[in-house]
PDB file of N, CA and C in Angstrom:
ATOM      1  N   MET A   1     114.283 128.925 103.657  1.00  0.00           N
ATOM      2  CA  MET A   1     112.650 128.909 102.672  1.00  0.00           C
ATOM      3  C   MET A   1     112.685 127.370 102.257  1.00  0.00           C
ATOM      4  N   LEU A   2     113.515 127.129 101.588  1.00  0.00           N
ATOM      5  CA  LEU A   2     113.650 125.979 100.925  1.00  0.00           C
ATOM      6  C   LEU A   2     113.511 124.964 101.741  1.00  0.00           C
ATOM      7  N   ASN A   3     114.300 125.009 103.420  1.00  0.00           N
ATOM      8  CA  ASN A   3     114.191 124.070 104.567  1.00  0.00           C
ATOM      9  C   ASN A   3     112.955 123.722 104.766  1.00  0.00           C
ATOM     10  N   TYR A   4     112.108 124.984 105.081  1.00  0.00           N
ATOM     11  CA  TYR A   4     110.832 124.557 105.506  1.00  0.00           C
ATOM     12  C   TYR A   4     109.804 123.964 104.582  1.00  0.00           C
ATOM     13  N   SER A   5     110.045 124.159 103.220  1.00  0.00           N
ATOM     14  CA  SER A   5     109.039 123.755 102.252  1.00  0.00           C
ATOM     15  C   SER A   5     109.521 122.071 102.402  1.00  0.00           C
ATOM     16  N   PHE A   6     110.664 121.822 101.934  1.00  0.00           N
ATOM     17  CA  PHE A   6     110.979 120.423 102.275  1.00  0.00           C
ATOM     18  C   PHE A   6     110.763 119.477 103.625  1.00  0.00           C
ATOM     19  N   ALA A   7     110.674 120.235 104.919  1.00  0.00           N
ATOM     20  CA  ALA A   7     109.971 119.349 105.903  1.00  0.00           C
ATOM     21  C   ALA A   7     108.730 119.257 105.621  1.00  0.00           C
ATOM     22  N   VAL A   8     108.106 120.561 105.306  1.00  0.00           N
ATOM     23  CA  VAL A   8     106.427 120.080 105.073  1.00  0.00           C
ATOM     24  C   VAL A   8     106.286 119.054 104.104  1.00  0.00           C
ATOM     25  N   GLY A   9     106.850 119.244 103.272  1.00  0.00           N
ATOM     26  CA  GLY A   9     106.513 117.949 102.248  1.00  0.00           C
ATOM     27  C   GLY A   9     106.923 116.497 102.886  1.00  0.00           C
ATOM     28  N   LYS A  10     107.871 116.291 103.325  1.00  0.00           N
ATOM     29  CA  LYS A  10     108.440 114.894 103.885  1.00  0.00           C
ATOM     30  C   LYS A  10     107.239 114.645 105.024  1.00  0.00           C
ATOM     31  N   GLU A  11     106.458 115.599 105.780  1.00  0.00           N
ATOM     32  CA  GLU A  11     105.562 115.304 106.849  1.00  0.00           C
ATOM     33  C   GLU A  11     104.354 115.179 106.433  1.00  0.00           C
ATOM     34  N   SER A  12     103.932 115.485 105.325  1.00  0.00           N
ATOM     35  CA  SER A  12     102.881 114.762 104.411  1.00  0.00           C
ATOM     36  C   SER A  12     102.903 113.662 103.835  1.00  0.00           C
ATOM     37  N   GLU A  13     104.088 112.917 103.575  1.00  0.00           N
ATOM     38  CA  GLU A  13     104.771 112.146 102.697  1.00  0.00           C
ATOM     39  C   GLU A  13     104.458 110.842 103.863  1.00  0.00           C
ATOM     40  N   ASP A  14     105.149 110.935 104.624  1.00  0.00           N
ATOM     41  CA  ASP A  14     104.642 110.218 105.951  1.00  0.00           C
ATOM     42  C   ASP A  14     103.231 109.577 106.938  1.00  0.00           C
ATOM     43  N   THR A  15     102.587 111.050 106.311  1.00  0.00           N
ATOM     44  CA  THR A  15     101.498 110.944 106.940  1.00  0.00           C
ATOM     45  C   THR A  15     100.238 110.250 106.147  1.00  0.00           C
ATOM     46  N   GLN A  16     100.670 110.235 104.449  1.00  0.00           N
ATOM     47  CA  GLN A  16      99.967 109.452 103.837  1.00  0.00           C
ATOM     48  C   GLN A  16     100.226 108.157 103.547  1.00  0.00           C
ATOM     49  N   GLY A  17     101.495 107.831 103.350  1.00  0.00           N
ATOM     50  CA  GLY A  17     101.891 106.305 103.446  1.00  0.00           C
ATOM     51  C   GLY A  17     101.151 105.538 101.992  1.00  0.00           C
ATOM     52  N   ASN A  18     101.918 104.426 102.054  1.00  0.00           N
ATOM     53  CA  ASN A  18     101.439 103.515 101.089  1.00  0.00           C
ATOM     54  C   ASN A  18     100.230 103.001 101.300  1.00  0.00           C
ATOM     55  N   ARG A  19      99.321 103.489 100.419  1.00  0.00           N
ATOM     56  CA  ARG A  19      97.961 103.028 100.853  1.00  0.00           C
ATOM     57  C   ARG A  19      97.598 101.521 100.736  1.00  0.00           C
ATOM     58  N   CYS A  20      98.409 100.334 100.148  1.00  0.00           N
ATOM     59  CA  CYS A  20      98.721  99.149 100.138  1.00  0.00           C
ATOM     60  C   CYS A  20      98.637  98.888 101.543  1.00  0.00           C
ATOM     61  N   LYS A  21      99.946  99.259 102.118  1.00  0.00           N
ATOM     62  CA  LYS A  21     100.198  98.642 102.805  1.00  0.00           C
ATOM     63  C   LYS A  21      99.413  98.835 104.538  1.00  0.00           C
ATOM     64  N   LEU A  22      98.897 100.415 104.221  1.00  0.00           N
ATOM     65  CA  LEU A  22      97.514 100.590 105.091  1.00  0.00           C
ATOM     66  C   LEU A  22      96.331  99.974 105.421  1.00  0.00           C
ATOM     67  N   ALA A  23      96.179  99.176 103.728  1.00  0.00           N
ATOM     68  CA  ALA A  23      95.237  98.638 103.546  1.00  0.00           C
ATOM     69  C   ALA A  23      95.356  96.737 103.960  1.00  0.00           C
ATOM     70  N   VAL A  24      96.688  96.737 104.002  1.00  0.00           N
ATOM     71  CA  VAL A  24      96.756  95.041 104.436  1.00  0.00           C
ATOM     72  C   VAL A  24      96.723  95.465 106.139  1.00  0.00           C
ATOM     73  N   ASN A  25      97.267  96.171 106.549  1.00  0.00           N
ATOM     74  CA  ASN A  25      97.069  96.755 108.453  1.00  0.00           C
ATOM     75  C   ASN A  25      95.673  96.800 108.571  1.00  0.00           C
ATOM     76  N   GLN A  26      94.686  97.451 108.072  1.00  0.00           N
ATOM     77  CA  GLN A  26      93.736  97.475 107.988  1.00  0.00           C
ATOM     78  C   GLN A  26      92.233  96.805 107.728  1.00  0.00           C
ATOM     79  N   ASN A  27      92.765  96.036 106.986  1.00  0.00           N
ATOM     80  CA  ASN A  27      91.578  95.085 106.338  1.00  0.00           C
ATOM     81  C   ASN A  27      91.915  93.353 106.446  1.00  0.00           C
ATOM     82  N   THR A  28      93.270  93.274 107.178  1.00  0.00           N
ATOM     83  CA  THR A  28      93.318  91.713 107.035  1.00  0.00           C
ATOM     84  C   THR A  28      93.761  91.470 108.759  1.00  0.00           C
ATOM     85  N   GLU A  29      93.857  90.298 109.139  1.00  0.00           N
ATOM     86  CA  GLU A  29      94.556  89.854 110.377  1.00  0.00           C
ATOM     87  C   GLU A  29      95.793  89.847 110.562  1.00  0.00           C
ATOM     88  N   TYR A  30      96.503  90.717 109.303  1.00  0.00           N
ATOM     89  CA  TYR A  30      98.055  90.329 109.333  1.00  0.00           C
ATOM     90  C   TYR A  30      98.759  92.020 109.523  1.00  0.00           C
ATOM     91  N   GLN A  31      99.800  92.199 109.620  1.00  0.00           N
ATOM     92  CA  GLN A  31     100.676  93.150 110.175  1.00  0.00           C
ATOM     93  C   GLN A  31     101.873  93.126 108.961  1.00  0.00           C
ATOM     94  N   VAL A  32     102.104  94.271 108.308  1.00  0.00           N
ATOM     95  CA  VAL A  32     103.014  94.515 107.421  1.00  0.00           C
ATOM     96  C   VAL A  32     104.425  94.183 108.417  1.00  0.00           C
ATOM     97  N   THR A  33     105.505  94.010 107.986  1.00  0.00           N
ATOM     98  CA  THR A  33     106.949  93.588 108.626  1.00  0.00           C
ATOM     99  C   THR A  33     107.756  94.513 107.712  1.00  0.00           C
ATOM    100  N   GLY A  34     107.732  94.056 106.569  1.00  0.00           N
ATOM    101  CA  GLY A  34     108.751  94.721 105.554  1.00  0.00           C
ATOM    102  C   GLY A  34     108.259  94.483 104.281  1.00  0.00           C
ATOM    103  N   ILE A  35     108.971  95.203 103.395  1.00  0.00           N
ATOM    104  CA  ILE A  35     108.322  95.195 101.640  1.00  0.00           C
ATOM    105  C   ILE A  35     109.525  93.913 101.038  1.00  0.00           C
ATOM    106  N   TYR A  36     108.434  93.141 100.192  1.00  0.00           N
ATOM    107  CA  TYR A  36     109.048  92.029  99.316  1.00  0.00           C
ATOM    108  C   TYR A  36     109.971  92.758  98.088  1.00  0.00           C
ATOM    109  N   GLY A  37     110.933  92.749  97.905  1.00  0.00           N
ATOM    110  CA  GLY A  37     111.414  93.385  96.694  1.00  0.00           C
ATOM    111  C   GLY A  37     112.386  94.799  97.434  1.00  0.00           C
ATOM    112  N   SER A  38     112.329  95.692  96.474  1.00  0.00           N
ATOM    113  CA  SER A  38     112.853  96.781  96.368  1.00  0.00           C
ATOM    114  C   SER A  38     111.695  97.854  96.533  1.00  0.00           C
ATOM    115  N   PRO A  39     112.097  98.758  97.436  1.00  0.00           N
ATOM    116  CA  PRO A  39     111.049  99.948  98.089  1.00  0.00           C
ATOM    117  C   PRO A  39     110.749 100.601  96.602  1.00  0.00           C
ATOM    118  N   LEU A  40     112.184 100.617  95.975  1.00  0.00           N
ATOM    119  CA  LEU A  40     112.238 101.636  94.555  1.00  0.00           C
ATOM    120  C   LEU A  40     111.262 101.104  93.472  1.00  0.00           C
ATOM    121  N   GLU A  41     111.320 100.113  93.425  1.00  0.00           N
ATOM    122  CA  GLU A  41     110.113  99.119  92.454  1.00  0.00           C
ATOM    123  C   GLU A  41     108.696  99.589  92.393  1.00  0.00           C
ATOM    124  N   SER A  42     108.503  99.205  91.423  1.00  0.00           N
ATOM    125  CA  SER A  42     106.946  99.869  91.456  1.00  0.00           C
ATOM    126  C   SER A  42     105.964  98.965  91.440  1.00  0.00           C
ATOM    127  N   GLU A  43     104.738  98.967  91.669  1.00  0.00           N
ATOM    128  CA  GLU A  43     103.691  97.767  92.037  1.00  0.00           C
ATOM    129  C   GLU A  43     104.050  96.561  90.924  1.00  0.00           C
ATOM    130  N   TRP A  44     103.832  95.123  91.768  1.00  0.00           N
ATOM    131  CA  TRP A  44     104.109  93.966  90.688  1.00  0.00           C
ATOM    132  C   TRP A  44     102.629  94.249  90.187  1.00  0.00           C
ATOM    133  N   HIS A  45     102.696  93.501  89.037  1.00  0.00           N
ATOM    134  CA  HIS A  45     101.095  93.609  87.875  1.00  0.00           C
ATOM    135  C   HIS A  45     100.833  91.970  88.701  1.00  0.00           C
ATOM    136  N   PRO A  46      99.438  91.665  88.459  1.00  0.00           N
ATOM    137  CA  PRO A  46      99.259  90.511  88.886  1.00  0.00           C
ATOM    138  C   PRO A  46      99.809  89.289  88.366  1.00  0.00           C
ATOM    139  N   ALA A  47      99.940  89.517  86.416  1.00  0.00           N
ATOM    140  CA  ALA A  47     100.683  88.518  86.054  1.00  0.00           C
ATOM    141  C   ALA A  47     101.809  87.887  86.543  1.00  0.00           C
ATOM    142  N   ALA A  48     102.489  89.157  87.099  1.00  0.00           N
ATOM    143  CA  ALA A  48     104.042  88.767  87.381  1.00  0.00           C
ATOM    144  C   ALA A  48     103.939  87.792  88.906  1.00  0.00           C
ATOM    145  N   ALA A  49     103.091  88.215  89.711  1.00  0.00           N
ATOM    146  CA  ALA A  49     102.960  87.765  91.025  1.00  0.00           C
ATOM    147  C   ALA A  49     102.262  86.004  90.547  1.00  0.00           C
ATOM    148  N   TYR A  50     101.687  86.065  89.835  1.00  0.00           N
ATOM    149  CA  TYR A  50     101.454  84.823  89.386  1.00  0.00           C
ATOM    150  C   TYR A  50     102.290  83.569  89.097  1.00  0.00           C
ATOM    151  N   VAL A  51     103.350  84.515  88.204  1.00  0.00           N
ATOM    152  CA  VAL A  51     104.468  83.908  87.710  1.00  0.00           C
ATOM    153  C   VAL A  51     105.434  83.147  89.090  1.00  0.00           C
ATOM    154  N   LEU A  52     105.880  83.945  89.757  1.00  0.00           N
ATOM    155  CA  LEU A  52     105.823  83.931  90.762  1.00  0.00           C
ATOM    156  C   LEU A  52     105.684  83.016  91.921  1.00  0.00           C
ATOM    157  N   ILE A  53     104.379  82.983  91.904  1.00  0.00           N
ATOM    158  CA  ILE A  53     104.061  82.200  92.676  1.00  0.00           C
ATOM    159  C   ILE A  53     103.903  80.254  92.035  1.00  0.00           C
ATOM    160  N   ARG A  54     104.097  80.253  90.832  1.00  0.00           N
ATOM    161  CA  ARG A  54     104.120  79.338  90.276  1.00  0.00           C
ATOM    162  C   ARG A  54     105.546  78.782  90.809  1.00  0.00           C
ATOM    163  N   GLU A  55     106.682  79.824  89.982  1.00  0.00           N
ATOM    164  CA  GLU A  55     108.057  79.093  90.510  1.00  0.00           C
ATOM    165  C   GLU A  55     108.072  78.759  91.849  1.00  0.00           C
ATOM    166  N   MET A  56     107.395  79.412  92.801  1.00  0.00           N
ATOM    167  CA  MET A  56     107.777  79.103  94.280  1.00  0.00           C
ATOM    168  C   MET A  56     107.546  77.717  93.950  1.00  0.00           C
ATOM    169  N   TYR A  57     106.485  77.181  93.875  1.00  0.00           N
ATOM    170  CA  TYR A  57     105.560  75.713  93.776  1.00  0.00           C
ATOM    171  C   TYR A  57     106.657  74.788  93.108  1.00  0.00           C
ATOM    172  N   ARG A  58     106.969  75.269  92.103  1.00  0.00           N
ATOM    173  CA  ARG A  58     107.884  74.425  91.441  1.00  0.00           C
ATOM    174  C   ARG A  58     109.368  74.439  91.766  1.00  0.00           C
ATOM    175  N   PHE A  59     109.527  74.975  93.161  1.00  0.00           N
ATOM    176  CA  PHE A  59     111.017  75.156  93.721  1.00  0.00           C
ATOM    177  C   PHE A  59     110.392  74.496  95.215  1.00  0.00           C
ATOM    178  N   GLU A  60     109.459  74.272  95.146  1.00  0.00           N
ATOM    179  CA  GLU A  60     109.091  73.857  96.395  1.00  0.00           C
ATOM    180  C   GLU A  60     109.358  74.448  97.562  1.00  0.00           C
ATOM    181  N   VAL A  61     109.014  75.770  97.807  1.00  0.00           N
ATOM    182  CA  VAL A  61     109.276  76.492  98.735  1.00  0.00           C
ATOM    183  C   VAL A  61     107.922  77.635  99.442  1.00  0.00           C
ATOM    184  N   LEU A  62     106.760  76.870  98.501  1.00  0.00           N
ATOM    185  CA  LEU A  62     105.486  77.371  98.723  1.00  0.00           C
ATOM    186  C   LEU A  62     104.600  76.281  99.552  1.00  0.00           C
ATOM    187  N   ARG A  63     104.284  76.689 100.507  1.00  0.00           N
ATOM    188  CA  ARG A  63     103.502  75.956 101.673  1.00  0.00           C
ATOM    189  C   ARG A  63     101.960  76.233 100.646  1.00  0.00           C
ATOM    190  N   ARG A  64     101.488  77.039 100.748  1.00  0.00           N
ATOM    191  CA  ARG A  64     100.009  77.482 100.307  1.00  0.00           C
ATOM    192  C   ARG A  64      99.835  78.913 100.051  1.00  0.00           C
ATOM    193  N   GLU A  65      99.042  78.971  99.125  1.00  0.00           N
ATOM    194  CA  GLU A  65      98.178  80.353  98.842  1.00  0.00           C
ATOM    195  C   GLU A  65      96.818  80.324  99.094  1.00  0.00           C
ATOM    196  N   PHE A  66      96.188  81.716  99.012  1.00  0.00           N
ATOM    197  CA  PHE A  66      94.995  81.737  99.367  1.00  0.00           C
ATOM    198  C   PHE A  66      95.031  83.269  99.206  1.00  0.00           C
ATOM    199  N   GLN A  67      93.688  83.591  99.243  1.00  0.00           N
ATOM    200  CA  GLN A  67      93.376  85.223  98.425  1.00  0.00           C
ATOM    201  C   GLN A  67      91.777  85.578  99.765  1.00  0.00           C
ATOM    202  N   GLN A  68      91.926  86.884 100.448  1.00  0.00           N
ATOM    203  CA  GLN A  68      91.384  87.123 101.018  1.00  0.00           C
ATOM    204  C   GLN A  68      90.813  88.994  99.769  1.00  0.00           C
ATOM    205  N   LYS A  69      89.340  89.146  99.720  1.00  0.00           N
ATOM    206  CA  LYS A  69      88.771  90.082  99.259  1.00  0.00           C
ATOM    207  C   LYS A  69      88.150  90.888  99.777  1.00  0.00           C
ATOM    208  N   THR A  70      88.029  92.046 100.178  1.00  0.00           N
ATOM    209  CA  THR A  70      86.804  93.456 100.290  1.00  0.00           C
ATOM    210  C   THR A  70      86.522  93.946  99.412  1.00  0.00           C
ATOM    211  N   GLU A  71      85.599  95.122  99.445  1.00  0.00           N
ATOM    212  CA  GLU A  71      85.156  95.909  98.762  1.00  0.00           C
ATOM    213  C   GLU A  71      86.143  96.411  97.233  1.00  0.00           C
ATOM    214  N   LEU A  72      87.275  97.011  97.951  1.00  0.00           N
ATOM    215  CA  LEU A  72      88.268  97.910  97.365  1.00  0.00           C
ATOM    216  C   LEU A  72      89.112  96.962  97.090  1.00  0.00           C
ATOM    217  N   TRP A  73      89.546  95.829  97.994  1.00  0.00           N
ATOM    218  CA  TRP A  73      90.756  95.022  97.703  1.00  0.00           C
ATOM    219  C   TRP A  73      91.029  94.159  97.671  1.00  0.00           C
ATOM    220  N   ARG A  74      92.131  93.435  96.985  1.00  0.00           N
ATOM    221  CA  ARG A  74      92.250  91.831  96.755  1.00  0.00           C
ATOM    222  C   ARG A  74      93.592  91.135  97.313  1.00  0.00           C
ATOM    223  N   PHE A  75      93.881  90.731  98.523  1.00  0.00           N
ATOM    224  CA  PHE A  75      95.053  90.491  99.007  1.00  0.00           C
ATOM    225  C   PHE A  75      95.285  88.835  98.174  1.00  0.00           C
ATOM    226  N   GLU A  76      96.439  88.649  98.154  1.00  0.00           N
ATOM    227  CA  GLU A  76      96.854  87.537  97.528  1.00  0.00           C
ATOM    228  C   GLU A  76      98.102  86.895  98.689  1.00  0.00           C
ATOM    229  N   PHE A  77      97.882  85.785  99.411  1.00  0.00           N
ATOM    230  CA  PHE A  77      99.025  85.403  99.933  1.00  0.00           C
ATOM    231  C   PHE A  77      99.692  84.388  99.942  1.00  0.00           C
ATOM    232  N   ALA A  78     100.885  84.264 100.059  1.00  0.00           N
ATOM    233  CA  ALA A  78     101.597  82.916  99.690  1.00  0.00           C
ATOM    234  C   ALA A  78     102.564  82.893 101.029  1.00  0.00           C
ATOM    235  N   GLU A  79     102.124  81.410 101.878  1.00  0.00           N
ATOM    236  CA  GLU A  79     103.009  81.168 102.962  1.00  0.00           C
ATOM    237  C   GLU A  79     104.043  80.232 102.441  1.00  0.00           C
ATOM    238  N   MET A  80     105.194  80.354 102.825  1.00  0.00           N
ATOM    239  CA  MET A  80     106.391  79.978 102.125  1.00  0.00           C
ATOM    240  C   MET A  80     106.808  78.477 103.316  1.00  0.00           C
ATOM    241  N   SER A  81     107.699  77.616 102.987  1.00  0.00           N
ATOM    242  CA  SER A  81     107.713  76.333 103.610  1.00  0.00           C
ATOM    243  C   SER A  81     108.735  77.100 105.140  1.00  0.00           C
ATOM    244  N   VAL A  82     109.781  78.198 104.691  1.00  0.00           N
ATOM    245  CA  VAL A  82     110.209  78.034 105.505  1.00  0.00           C
ATOM    246  C   VAL A  82     109.949  79.536 106.944  1.00  0.00           C
ATOM    247  N   GLY A  83     108.338  79.821 106.718  1.00  0.00           N
ATOM    248  CA  GLY A  83     107.819  80.359 107.758  1.00  0.00           C
ATOM    249  C   GLY A  83     107.452  81.668 107.382  1.00  0.00           C
ATOM    250  N   LYS A  84     107.745  82.060 106.070  1.00  0.00           N
ATOM    251  CA  LYS A  84     107.488  83.345 105.592  1.00  0.00           C
ATOM    252  C   LYS A  84     106.005  83.346 105.346  1.00  0.00           C
ATOM    253  N   THR A  85     105.575  84.585 104.979  1.00  0.00           N
ATOM    254  CA  THR A  85     104.720  85.312 104.455  1.00  0.00           C
ATOM    255  C   THR A  85     104.617  86.157 103.764  1.00  0.00           C
ATOM    256  N   ILE A  86     103.845  86.218 102.584  1.00  0.00           N
ATOM    257  CA  ILE A  86     104.287  87.447 101.691  1.00  0.00           C
ATOM    258  C   ILE A  86     102.511  87.678 101.219  1.00  0.00           C
ATOM    259  N   VAL A  87     102.201  88.977 100.684  1.00  0.00           N
ATOM    260  CA  VAL A  87     101.272  89.455 100.364  1.00  0.00           C
ATOM    261  C   VAL A  87     100.914  90.229  99.457  1.00  0.00           C
ATOM    262  N   PHE A  88     100.225  90.098  98.067  1.00  0.00           N
ATOM    263  CA  PHE A  88     100.864  90.919  97.228  1.00  0.00           C
ATOM    264  C   PHE A  88      99.056  91.582  96.913  1.00  0.00           C
ATOM    265  N   VAL A  89      99.111  93.045  97.124  1.00  0.00           N
ATOM    266  CA  VAL A  89      97.753  93.622  97.410  1.00  0.00           C
ATOM    267  C   VAL A  89      97.648  94.607  96.120  1.00  0.00           C
ATOM    268  N   TYR A  90      96.340  94.411  95.604  1.00  0.00           N
ATOM    269  CA  TYR A  90      95.965  94.979  94.243  1.00  0.00           C
ATOM    270  C   TYR A  90      94.348  95.854  94.799  1.00  0.00           C
ATOM    271  N   HIS A  91      93.942  97.286  93.904  1.00  0.00           N
ATOM    272  CA  HIS A  91      93.168  97.678  94.236  1.00  0.00           C
ATOM    273  C   HIS A  91      91.913  97.262  93.366  1.00  0.00           C
ATOM    274  N   GLN A  92      90.514  96.935  93.865  1.00  0.00           N
ATOM    275  CA  GLN A  92      90.012  96.079  92.948  1.00  0.00           C
ATOM    276  C   GLN A  92      89.341  97.163  91.724  1.00  0.00           C
ATOM    277  N   ILE A  93      89.549  98.828  91.954  1.00  0.00           N
ATOM    278  CA  ILE A  93      89.150  99.704  90.878  1.00  0.00           C
ATOM    279  C   ILE A  93      90.381 100.131  89.973  1.00  0.00           C
ATOM    280  N   GLN A  94      91.504 100.821  90.649  1.00  0.00           N
ATOM    281  CA  GLN A  94      92.347 101.310  90.160  1.00  0.00           C
ATOM    282  C   GLN A  94      93.131  99.765  90.016  1.00  0.00           C
ATOM    283  N   LEU A  95      93.232  99.277  88.875  1.00  0.00           N
ATOM    284  CA  LEU A  95      94.621  98.369  89.243  1.00  0.00           C
ATOM    285  C   LEU A  95      95.993  99.052  88.707  1.00  0.00           C
ATOM    286  N   ALA A  96      96.170  99.743  88.604  1.00  0.00           N
ATOM    287  CA  ALA A  96      98.221 100.080  88.125  1.00  0.00           C
ATOM    288  C   ALA A  96      98.388 101.646  89.169  1.00  0.00           C
ATOM    289  N   GLY A  97      98.778 101.587  89.747  1.00  0.00           N
ATOM    290  CA  GLY A  97      99.805 102.882  90.192  1.00  0.00           C
ATOM    291  C   GLY A  97      99.124 103.529  91.630  1.00  0.00           C
ATOM    292  N   TYR A  98      98.236 102.950  92.310  1.00  0.00           N
ATOM    293  CA  TYR A  98      97.505 103.595  93.140  1.00  0.00           C
ATOM    294  C   TYR A  98      98.200 103.153  94.720  1.00  0.00           C
ATOM    295  N   CYS A  99      99.015 102.484  95.264  1.00  0.00           N
ATOM    296  CA  CYS A  99      99.520 102.256  96.374  1.00  0.00           C
ATOM    297  C   CYS A  99     100.776 103.521  97.025  1.00  0.00           C
ATOM    298  N   GLY A 100     100.997 104.138  95.846  1.00  0.00           N
ATOM    299  CA  GLY A 100     102.304 105.200  96.352  1.00  0.00           C
ATOM    300  C   GLY A 100     103.490 104.258  96.795  1.00  0.00           C
ATOM    301  N   GLY A 101     103.944 103.719  95.906  1.00  0.00           N
ATOM    302  CA  GLY A 101     104.976 102.464  96.181  1.00  0.00           C
ATOM    303  C   GLY A 101     104.481 101.097  96.439  1.00  0.00           C
ATOM    304  N   PRO A 102     105.271 100.386  96.613  1.00  0.00           N
ATOM    305  CA  PRO A 102     105.310  99.206  96.480  1.00  0.00           C
ATOM    306  C   PRO A 102     103.940  98.059  96.947  1.00  0.00           C
ATOM    307  N   ASN A 103     103.653  96.630  96.348  1.00  0.00           N
ATOM    308  CA  ASN A 103     102.770  96.580  96.936  1.00  0.00           C
ATOM    309  C   ASN A 103     102.636  95.194  96.888  1.00  0.00           C
ATOM    310  N   ALA A 104     104.126  94.395  97.609  1.00  0.00           N
ATOM    311  CA  ALA A 104     104.489  93.449  98.238  1.00  0.00           C
ATOM    312  C   ALA A 104     105.111  93.251  99.305  1.00  0.00           C
ATOM    313  N   PHE A 105     104.438  92.765 100.470  1.00  0.00           N
ATOM    314  CA  PHE A 105     104.931  92.650 101.555  1.00  0.00           C
ATOM    315  C   PHE A 105     105.204  91.395 102.130  1.00  0.00           C
ATOM    316  N   PHE A 106     106.193  91.002 103.380  1.00  0.00           N
ATOM    317  CA  PHE A 106     106.169  90.326 103.968  1.00  0.00           C
ATOM    318  C   PHE A 106     105.170  90.862 105.085  1.00  0.00           C
ATOM    319  N   VAL A 107     104.754  89.858 105.652  1.00  0.00           N
ATOM    320  CA  VAL A 107     103.688  90.026 106.886  1.00  0.00           C
ATOM    321  C   VAL A 107     103.674  88.601 108.067  1.00  0.00           C
ATOM    322  N   ILE A 108     103.319  89.405 108.974  1.00  0.00           N
ATOM    323  CA  ILE A 108     103.021  88.499 110.404  1.00  0.00           C
ATOM    324  C   ILE A 108     101.207  88.408 110.548  1.00  0.00           C
ATOM    325  N   LYS A 109     100.893  87.134 111.036  1.00  0.00           N
ATOM    326  CA  LYS A 109      99.514  87.561 112.011  1.00  0.00           C
ATOM    327  C   LYS A 109      99.593  88.246 112.974  1.00  0.00           C
ATOM    328  N   LYS A 110      98.598  89.082 113.268  1.00  0.00           N
ATOM    329  CA  LYS A 110      98.400  90.062 114.387  1.00  0.00           C
ATOM    330  C   LYS A 110      98.318  89.014 115.653  1.00  0.00           C
TER     331      LYS A 110
END
């Protein structure tokens, strides 16, 4: 009985997925390729992402940054000088704990 309930829980977890990752894949012209940071970390607060982006500028590893918004989502992109792009994803209404996992990802253009 325990194995059965574990299998059902695992299946529903895989089906639901990370809401922020799904939002990037569905609402932007980018595709998520991996998590920026640890998959065990909670979501990045916008202030922490802002500080990280300022430090990227300071160390001259950031080429440019830009934002994309939808009614429900805000995507903050950072293109680094080494060719990698990172996106920080925020839900416009529920600002914390909405993703169901990390909210910072490496992405590539589709």
